[in-house]
N, C-alpha and C. Protein backbone atom coordinates (compact mmCIF):
# COMPACT_ATOMS: atom_id res chain seq x y z
N MET A 1 106.31 92.41 95.17
CA MET A 1 106.88 93.15 96.39
C MET A 1 105.66 92.90 97.40
N VAL A 2 105.30 91.68 97.78
CA VAL A 2 104.25 91.46 98.42
C VAL A 2 104.16 90.92 99.66
N GLY A 3 104.06 91.22 100.93
CA GLY A 3 104.40 90.71 102.25
C GLY A 3 103.56 89.32 102.32
N ASN A 4 103.72 88.82 103.29
CA ASN A 4 103.02 87.40 103.76
C ASN A 4 101.54 87.53 103.64
N ASP A 5 100.98 88.74 104.00
CA ASP A 5 99.44 88.91 104.16
C ASP A 5 99.03 89.56 102.87
N GLY A 6 99.89 89.53 101.64
CA GLY A 6 99.26 90.05 100.60
C GLY A 6 99.66 91.77 100.38
N VAL A 7 99.99 92.49 101.51
CA VAL A 7 100.22 93.78 101.43
C VAL A 7 101.54 94.06 100.86
N PRO A 8 101.61 94.97 99.93
CA PRO A 8 103.06 95.22 99.41
C PRO A 8 104.02 95.70 100.48
N VAL A 9 105.13 95.29 100.45
CA VAL A 9 106.27 95.79 101.58
C VAL A 9 107.46 96.33 100.76
N SER A 10 107.78 97.54 101.05
CA SER A 10 108.98 98.16 100.25
C SER A 10 110.05 98.13 101.62
N PRO A 11 111.54 98.13 101.03
CA PRO A 11 112.57 98.58 101.86
C PRO A 11 112.04 99.90 102.86
N VAL A 12 111.46 100.70 102.35
CA VAL A 12 111.12 101.95 103.12
C VAL A 12 110.44 101.63 104.41
N ASP A 13 109.61 100.51 104.31
CA ASP A 13 108.58 99.98 105.37
C ASP A 13 109.40 99.48 106.46
N LEU A 14 110.88 99.17 106.24
CA LEU A 14 111.71 98.38 107.06
C LEU A 14 112.78 99.37 107.80
N LEU A 15 112.60 100.66 107.58
CA LEU A 15 113.83 101.65 107.94
C LEU A 15 114.01 101.62 109.51
N GLY A 16 115.30 101.64 110.05
CA GLY A 16 115.44 101.72 111.32
C GLY A 16 116.71 100.52 111.60
N ALA A 17 116.94 100.12 112.85
CA ALA A 17 118.00 99.37 113.32
C ALA A 17 117.27 98.05 113.59
N TRP A 18 117.84 96.92 113.42
CA TRP A 18 117.36 95.68 113.63
C TRP A 18 118.59 94.78 114.41
N GLU A 19 118.11 93.96 115.30
CA GLU A 19 118.90 93.04 115.78
C GLU A 19 119.21 91.98 114.74
N LEU A 20 120.30 91.56 114.31
CA LEU A 20 120.70 90.70 113.27
C LEU A 20 121.32 89.26 113.87
N ARG A 21 120.52 88.18 113.37
CA ARG A 21 121.00 86.97 114.05
C ARG A 21 121.16 86.03 112.71
N ARG A 22 122.39 85.42 112.49
CA ARG A 22 122.64 84.61 111.23
C ARG A 22 123.00 83.43 111.42
N VAL A 23 122.73 82.40 110.86
CA VAL A 23 123.15 81.17 110.87
C VAL A 23 123.76 80.65 109.53
N VAL A 24 124.97 80.32 109.33
CA VAL A 24 125.48 79.72 107.95
C VAL A 24 125.76 78.29 108.31
N ASP A 25 124.96 77.55 107.47
CA ASP A 25 125.26 75.88 107.61
C ASP A 25 125.88 75.79 106.37
N ASP A 26 127.04 75.54 106.62
CA ASP A 26 128.04 75.24 105.49
C ASP A 26 128.28 73.82 105.44
N ARG A 27 127.31 73.32 104.39
CA ARG A 27 127.43 71.58 104.28
C ARG A 27 128.76 71.15 103.69
N LEU A 28 129.30 72.07 102.74
CA LEU A 28 130.43 71.58 102.11
C LEU A 28 131.78 71.35 103.04
N ALA A 29 131.85 72.38 104.00
CA ALA A 29 132.85 72.31 104.96
C ALA A 29 132.46 71.75 106.24
N GLY A 30 131.16 71.34 106.39
CA GLY A 30 130.70 70.50 107.49
C GLY A 30 130.99 71.51 108.75
N ARG A 31 130.56 72.64 108.75
CA ARG A 31 130.60 73.58 109.82
C ARG A 31 129.54 74.67 109.89
N ARG A 32 128.90 75.19 110.97
CA ARG A 32 128.17 76.06 111.28
C ARG A 32 128.77 77.29 111.72
N ARG A 33 128.31 78.50 111.14
CA ARG A 33 129.02 79.84 111.74
C ARG A 33 127.81 80.60 112.13
N ASP A 34 127.89 81.24 113.06
CA ASP A 34 126.83 82.37 113.81
C ASP A 34 127.37 83.67 113.59
N VAL A 35 126.40 84.60 113.37
CA VAL A 35 126.59 85.90 113.40
C VAL A 35 125.83 86.63 114.32
N ARG A 36 126.18 87.63 115.00
CA ARG A 36 125.13 88.28 115.87
C ARG A 36 125.72 89.79 115.52
N GLY A 37 124.70 90.70 115.28
CA GLY A 37 125.05 92.08 115.19
C GLY A 37 123.80 92.84 114.87
N THR A 38 123.84 93.91 113.94
CA THR A 38 122.88 94.82 113.65
C THR A 38 122.74 95.11 112.20
N ALA A 39 121.54 95.33 111.78
CA ALA A 39 121.21 95.61 110.43
C ALA A 39 120.67 97.09 110.56
N VAL A 40 121.14 97.87 109.72
CA VAL A 40 120.38 99.44 109.66
C VAL A 40 119.99 99.44 108.19
N LEU A 41 118.80 99.88 108.18
CA LEU A 41 118.31 100.46 106.74
C LEU A 41 117.81 102.00 106.94
N GLU A 42 118.49 102.53 106.11
CA GLU A 42 118.60 104.13 106.14
C GLU A 42 118.02 104.70 104.82
N LEU A 43 117.24 105.44 104.72
CA LEU A 43 116.81 106.19 103.60
C LEU A 43 117.96 107.24 103.08
N GLU A 44 118.47 107.23 102.02
CA GLU A 44 119.41 108.07 101.45
C GLU A 44 118.72 108.88 100.56
N SER A 45 117.75 108.69 100.04
CA SER A 45 116.87 109.29 98.83
C SER A 45 115.61 108.85 98.80
N PRO A 46 114.63 109.45 98.30
CA PRO A 46 113.38 108.77 97.98
C PRO A 46 113.33 107.29 97.21
N ASP A 47 114.34 107.23 96.43
CA ASP A 47 114.74 106.07 95.77
C ASP A 47 115.90 105.05 95.93
N ARG A 48 116.36 105.46 97.21
CA ARG A 48 117.46 104.66 97.77
C ARG A 48 117.67 104.32 99.17
N VAL A 49 117.76 103.03 99.49
CA VAL A 49 117.97 102.74 100.94
C VAL A 49 119.44 101.97 101.09
N ARG A 50 120.18 102.50 102.17
CA ARG A 50 121.38 101.91 102.26
C ARG A 50 121.09 100.94 103.46
N TRP A 51 121.43 99.46 103.22
CA TRP A 51 121.38 98.38 104.16
C TRP A 51 122.68 98.08 104.46
N SER A 52 122.98 98.34 105.86
CA SER A 52 124.36 98.19 106.20
C SER A 52 124.21 96.93 107.41
N GLU A 53 125.04 96.15 107.40
CA GLU A 53 125.27 95.19 108.37
C GLU A 53 126.59 95.22 108.94
N THR A 54 126.67 94.96 110.54
CA THR A 54 128.03 94.75 111.23
C THR A 54 127.59 93.74 112.21
N GLY A 55 128.73 92.80 112.58
CA GLY A 55 128.50 92.07 113.82
C GLY A 55 129.80 91.26 113.81
N THR A 56 129.71 90.23 114.60
CA THR A 56 130.81 89.24 114.92
C THR A 56 130.36 87.78 114.46
N MET A 57 131.16 87.19 113.72
CA MET A 57 131.05 85.86 113.25
C MET A 57 131.64 85.00 114.10
N SER A 58 131.18 83.84 114.67
CA SER A 58 131.82 82.94 115.42
C SER A 58 131.74 81.40 115.03
N TRP A 59 132.73 80.65 115.25
CA TRP A 59 132.63 79.15 114.96
C TRP A 59 133.97 78.53 115.43
N ASP A 60 133.72 77.43 115.80
CA ASP A 60 135.02 76.68 116.45
C ASP A 60 135.81 77.39 117.45
N GLY A 61 135.11 78.32 118.30
CA GLY A 61 135.83 78.80 119.41
C GLY A 61 136.54 80.33 118.79
N ARG A 62 136.55 80.43 117.61
CA ARG A 62 136.83 81.82 116.92
C ARG A 62 135.88 82.76 116.77
N GLU A 63 136.23 84.16 116.67
CA GLU A 63 135.49 85.20 116.33
C GLU A 63 136.13 86.20 115.48
N VAL A 64 135.55 86.68 114.52
CA VAL A 64 136.08 87.90 113.48
C VAL A 64 134.73 88.63 113.42
N ALA A 65 135.17 90.04 113.24
CA ALA A 65 134.41 90.90 112.83
C ALA A 65 133.86 90.92 111.58
N VAL A 66 132.39 91.16 110.99
CA VAL A 66 132.01 91.26 109.70
C VAL A 66 131.28 92.43 109.43
N GLY A 67 131.17 92.54 108.05
CA GLY A 67 130.16 93.67 107.90
C GLY A 67 129.83 93.78 106.34
N ARG A 68 128.85 94.18 105.81
CA ARG A 68 128.57 94.47 104.41
C ARG A 68 127.39 95.72 104.10
N THR A 69 127.66 96.32 103.00
CA THR A 69 126.58 97.25 102.85
C THR A 69 126.14 96.82 101.59
N LEU A 70 124.57 96.99 101.50
CA LEU A 70 123.89 96.86 100.17
C LEU A 70 123.13 98.11 100.13
N PHE A 71 122.68 98.21 98.82
CA PHE A 71 121.78 99.31 98.65
C PHE A 71 120.48 98.75 97.95
N VAL A 72 119.28 99.30 98.25
CA VAL A 72 117.94 98.96 97.63
C VAL A 72 117.62 100.05 96.95
N VAL A 73 117.56 99.85 95.59
CA VAL A 73 117.26 101.12 94.83
C VAL A 73 116.04 100.92 93.96
N ARG A 74 115.22 102.09 93.75
CA ARG A 74 113.83 102.10 93.05
C ARG A 74 114.06 102.50 91.59
N ALA A 75 113.61 101.77 90.50
CA ALA A 75 113.65 101.87 89.22
C ALA A 75 112.24 101.84 88.79
N SER A 76 111.89 102.64 88.33
CA SER A 76 110.31 102.61 87.79
C SER A 76 109.36 102.37 89.16
N ASP A 77 108.65 101.16 89.05
CA ASP A 77 107.96 100.96 90.09
C ASP A 77 108.24 99.70 90.96
N ALA A 78 109.69 99.43 90.95
CA ALA A 78 110.08 98.00 91.51
C ALA A 78 111.50 98.43 92.23
N TRP A 79 111.65 97.50 93.27
CA TRP A 79 113.06 97.87 93.99
C TRP A 79 113.77 96.69 93.71
N PHE A 80 115.08 97.13 93.57
CA PHE A 80 116.28 96.17 93.34
C PHE A 80 117.42 96.40 94.42
N VAL A 81 117.91 95.15 94.76
CA VAL A 81 119.22 95.29 95.69
C VAL A 81 120.30 95.15 94.67
N GLU A 82 121.66 96.07 95.27
CA GLU A 82 122.51 96.33 94.47
C GLU A 82 123.77 96.04 95.73
N PHE A 83 124.90 95.29 95.07
CA PHE A 83 126.04 95.45 96.19
C PHE A 83 126.72 97.01 96.38
N SER A 84 127.36 96.94 97.22
CA SER A 84 128.07 98.33 97.41
C SER A 84 128.62 98.87 96.30
N ASP A 85 129.08 98.30 95.26
CA ASP A 85 129.80 98.61 94.06
C ASP A 85 128.76 98.87 92.93
N GLY A 86 127.65 98.69 93.08
CA GLY A 86 126.47 98.99 92.13
C GLY A 86 126.46 98.08 91.25
N ARG A 87 126.90 96.85 91.46
CA ARG A 87 126.63 95.48 90.61
C ARG A 87 125.19 94.98 91.10
N PRO A 88 124.19 94.52 90.21
CA PRO A 88 123.11 94.05 90.58
C PRO A 88 123.10 92.77 91.50
N PHE A 89 122.23 92.59 92.28
CA PHE A 89 122.09 91.38 93.29
C PHE A 89 120.81 90.60 92.99
N HIS A 90 119.74 91.30 93.19
CA HIS A 90 118.54 90.77 93.23
C HIS A 90 117.15 91.51 93.20
N PRO A 91 116.04 91.08 92.68
CA PRO A 91 114.94 92.21 92.85
C PRO A 91 114.34 91.97 94.34
N TRP A 92 113.87 93.12 95.01
CA TRP A 92 113.40 93.08 96.14
C TRP A 92 112.13 92.63 96.06
N ALA A 93 111.88 91.37 96.60
CA ALA A 93 110.48 90.65 96.41
C ALA A 93 110.21 89.82 97.65
N VAL A 94 109.58 90.38 98.64
CA VAL A 94 109.19 89.97 99.66
C VAL A 94 108.22 88.95 99.53
N GLY A 95 108.25 87.70 100.11
CA GLY A 95 107.44 86.43 99.85
C GLY A 95 107.68 85.77 98.67
N ARG A 96 108.65 86.12 97.87
CA ARG A 96 108.78 85.40 96.52
C ARG A 96 110.35 85.15 96.28
N ARG A 97 110.49 83.99 95.84
CA ARG A 97 112.02 83.35 95.70
C ARG A 97 112.55 84.44 94.48
N VAL A 98 113.78 84.64 94.80
CA VAL A 98 114.86 85.30 93.74
C VAL A 98 115.83 84.55 93.49
N GLU A 99 116.46 84.88 92.47
CA GLU A 99 117.82 84.06 92.23
C GLU A 99 118.99 85.05 91.80
N HIS A 100 120.19 84.56 92.09
CA HIS A 100 121.28 85.14 91.77
C HIS A 100 122.40 84.29 91.27
N PRO A 101 122.62 84.18 89.91
CA PRO A 101 123.29 83.24 89.34
C PRO A 101 124.78 83.87 89.37
N CYS A 102 125.72 83.21 90.12
CA CYS A 102 127.08 83.78 90.35
C CYS A 102 128.13 82.58 90.10
N ALA A 103 128.23 82.46 88.73
CA ALA A 103 129.05 81.28 88.18
C ALA A 103 130.44 81.07 89.08
N PRO A 104 130.71 79.90 89.37
CA PRO A 104 129.99 78.74 89.03
C PRO A 104 128.94 78.31 89.91
N ASP A 105 128.55 78.96 90.92
CA ASP A 105 127.61 78.67 91.65
C ASP A 105 126.13 79.32 91.60
N HIS A 106 125.08 79.05 92.23
CA HIS A 106 123.80 79.55 91.98
C HIS A 106 123.20 79.89 93.47
N TYR A 107 122.65 81.02 93.63
CA TYR A 107 121.91 81.21 94.83
C TYR A 107 120.54 81.53 94.69
N VAL A 108 119.83 81.07 95.67
CA VAL A 108 118.15 81.19 95.53
C VAL A 108 117.90 81.98 97.01
N GLY A 109 117.21 82.97 96.85
CA GLY A 109 116.90 83.57 98.35
C GLY A 109 115.34 83.80 98.47
N LEU A 110 115.22 84.17 99.71
CA LEU A 110 113.68 84.50 100.03
C LEU A 110 113.66 85.62 101.11
N ILE A 111 112.94 86.61 100.95
CA ILE A 111 112.99 87.58 102.28
C ILE A 111 111.31 87.45 102.73
N GLU A 112 111.18 87.10 103.86
CA GLU A 112 109.53 86.90 104.19
C GLU A 112 109.57 87.60 105.78
N LEU A 113 108.40 88.09 105.92
CA LEU A 113 107.81 88.78 107.12
C LEU A 113 107.66 87.84 108.05
N VAL A 114 108.07 88.03 109.59
CA VAL A 114 107.67 87.28 110.59
C VAL A 114 107.02 88.09 111.56
N GLU A 115 106.62 87.37 112.70
CA GLU A 115 105.72 88.29 113.56
C GLU A 115 106.50 89.44 114.45
N ASP A 116 107.88 89.13 114.58
CA ASP A 116 108.64 90.29 115.30
C ASP A 116 109.79 90.85 114.21
N GLY A 117 109.53 90.74 113.08
CA GLY A 117 110.45 91.33 112.17
C GLY A 117 110.57 90.59 110.66
N TRP A 118 111.66 90.36 110.13
CA TRP A 118 111.73 89.65 108.80
C TRP A 118 112.89 88.81 108.61
N THR A 119 112.94 87.95 107.96
CA THR A 119 114.00 87.00 107.37
C THR A 119 114.53 86.92 106.21
N VAL A 120 115.64 86.58 106.02
CA VAL A 120 116.37 86.63 104.66
C VAL A 120 117.11 85.06 104.76
N GLU A 121 116.74 84.33 103.50
CA GLU A 121 117.23 82.93 103.57
C GLU A 121 117.78 82.83 102.01
N TRP A 122 119.18 82.60 102.01
CA TRP A 122 119.88 82.20 100.83
C TRP A 122 120.49 80.74 100.86
N ARG A 123 120.15 80.14 99.73
CA ARG A 123 120.79 78.70 99.38
C ARG A 123 121.65 78.76 98.41
N ALA A 124 122.99 78.39 98.79
CA ALA A 124 123.94 78.52 97.56
C ALA A 124 124.49 76.97 97.19
N THR A 125 124.30 76.52 96.02
CA THR A 125 124.81 75.55 95.36
C THR A 125 125.69 75.44 94.18
N GLY A 126 126.57 74.38 94.16
CA GLY A 126 127.15 74.56 93.12
C GLY A 126 128.68 73.82 93.41
N PRO A 127 129.61 74.07 92.29
CA PRO A 127 130.81 73.23 92.84
C PRO A 127 131.60 73.73 93.86
N GLU A 128 131.57 74.95 94.40
CA GLU A 128 132.37 75.71 95.18
C GLU A 128 131.55 75.86 96.44
N LYS A 129 130.30 75.89 96.40
CA LYS A 129 129.51 76.36 97.76
C LYS A 129 128.31 75.31 97.76
N ASP A 130 127.93 75.03 99.19
CA ASP A 130 126.76 74.36 99.52
C ASP A 130 126.49 74.75 100.87
N TYR A 131 125.72 75.78 100.90
CA TYR A 131 125.10 76.21 102.15
C TYR A 131 123.84 76.97 102.14
N VAL A 132 123.41 77.00 103.37
CA VAL A 132 122.10 77.77 103.63
C VAL A 132 122.36 78.84 104.72
N MET A 133 122.14 79.99 104.43
CA MET A 133 122.32 81.22 105.29
C MET A 133 121.00 81.91 105.68
N THR A 134 120.61 81.68 106.94
CA THR A 134 119.30 82.25 107.22
C THR A 134 119.66 83.37 108.39
N THR A 135 119.10 84.44 108.04
CA THR A 135 119.21 85.89 108.82
C THR A 135 117.82 86.08 109.44
N ILE A 136 117.74 86.38 110.73
CA ILE A 136 116.61 86.92 111.37
C ILE A 136 116.65 88.28 111.99
N HIS A 137 115.89 89.12 111.34
CA HIS A 137 116.02 90.59 111.90
C HIS A 137 114.86 90.81 112.83
N SER A 138 115.15 91.11 114.12
CA SER A 138 114.12 91.36 115.10
C SER A 138 114.44 92.52 115.97
N GLY A 139 113.53 92.83 116.84
CA GLY A 139 113.95 94.02 117.80
C GLY A 139 114.11 95.39 117.15
N HIS A 140 113.09 95.60 116.22
CA HIS A 140 113.20 96.90 115.55
C HIS A 140 113.29 98.27 116.45
N ARG A 141 114.17 99.09 115.90
CA ARG A 141 114.24 100.61 116.55
C ARG A 141 113.84 101.34 115.17
N PRO A 142 112.96 102.05 115.12
CA PRO A 142 112.63 102.96 113.92
C PRO A 142 113.58 103.98 113.73
N ALA A 143 113.79 104.36 112.60
CA ALA A 143 114.80 105.27 112.01
C ALA A 143 114.70 106.62 113.01
N HIS A 144 113.78 107.09 113.28
CA HIS A 144 113.75 108.42 114.10
C HIS A 144 114.50 108.13 115.65
N HIS A 145 114.50 106.89 116.01
CA HIS A 145 114.89 106.51 117.23
C HIS A 145 116.54 106.26 117.28
N LEU A 146 116.99 106.29 116.15
CA LEU A 146 118.57 105.80 116.15
C LEU A 146 119.57 106.57 116.70
N GLY A 147 119.06 107.81 116.92
CA GLY A 147 120.17 108.71 117.53
C GLY A 147 120.33 108.52 118.90
N GLY A 148 119.72 107.47 119.70
CA GLY A 148 119.81 107.27 120.95
C GLY A 148 118.99 108.01 121.86
N GLY A 149 117.89 108.74 121.33
CA GLY A 149 116.88 109.35 121.89
C GLY A 149 115.87 108.26 122.55
N PRO A 150 114.62 108.88 123.25
CA PRO A 150 114.05 107.66 123.74
C PRO A 150 112.98 107.02 122.81
N ALA A 151 112.81 105.84 123.00
CA ALA A 151 112.08 104.88 121.90
C ALA A 151 110.58 105.22 122.16
């Protein structure tokens, strides 16, 4: 759990609202989908962060509302990302590749810090999927400013 500069980064360090820009390059379907929206990381307890995303996906002149909720949970000295139903997803490991086998396909992900925020990239390969999904989180609003007060 180390950032690009060698300093450990936990999900608690990223609490607040982020502008979310995502590109899904679906090579199997031969199409690109774009998502614009917001990601919010909120502390539910000292060992649990809610990671909620809402936005609009667009492609080929169409638009649809999208959203998901993940949880980042601390167990011992490590953080782990879980789906909203509690199933394990992957370790929280900034700057290090993680894997999520989801038969029949396989996912390899990477969370990295960038100058104005952080990115998440997933590469899904297998008989049913072949895509790269890149998400850029920028424009941070700290958690104590989410209520609409002055920034």
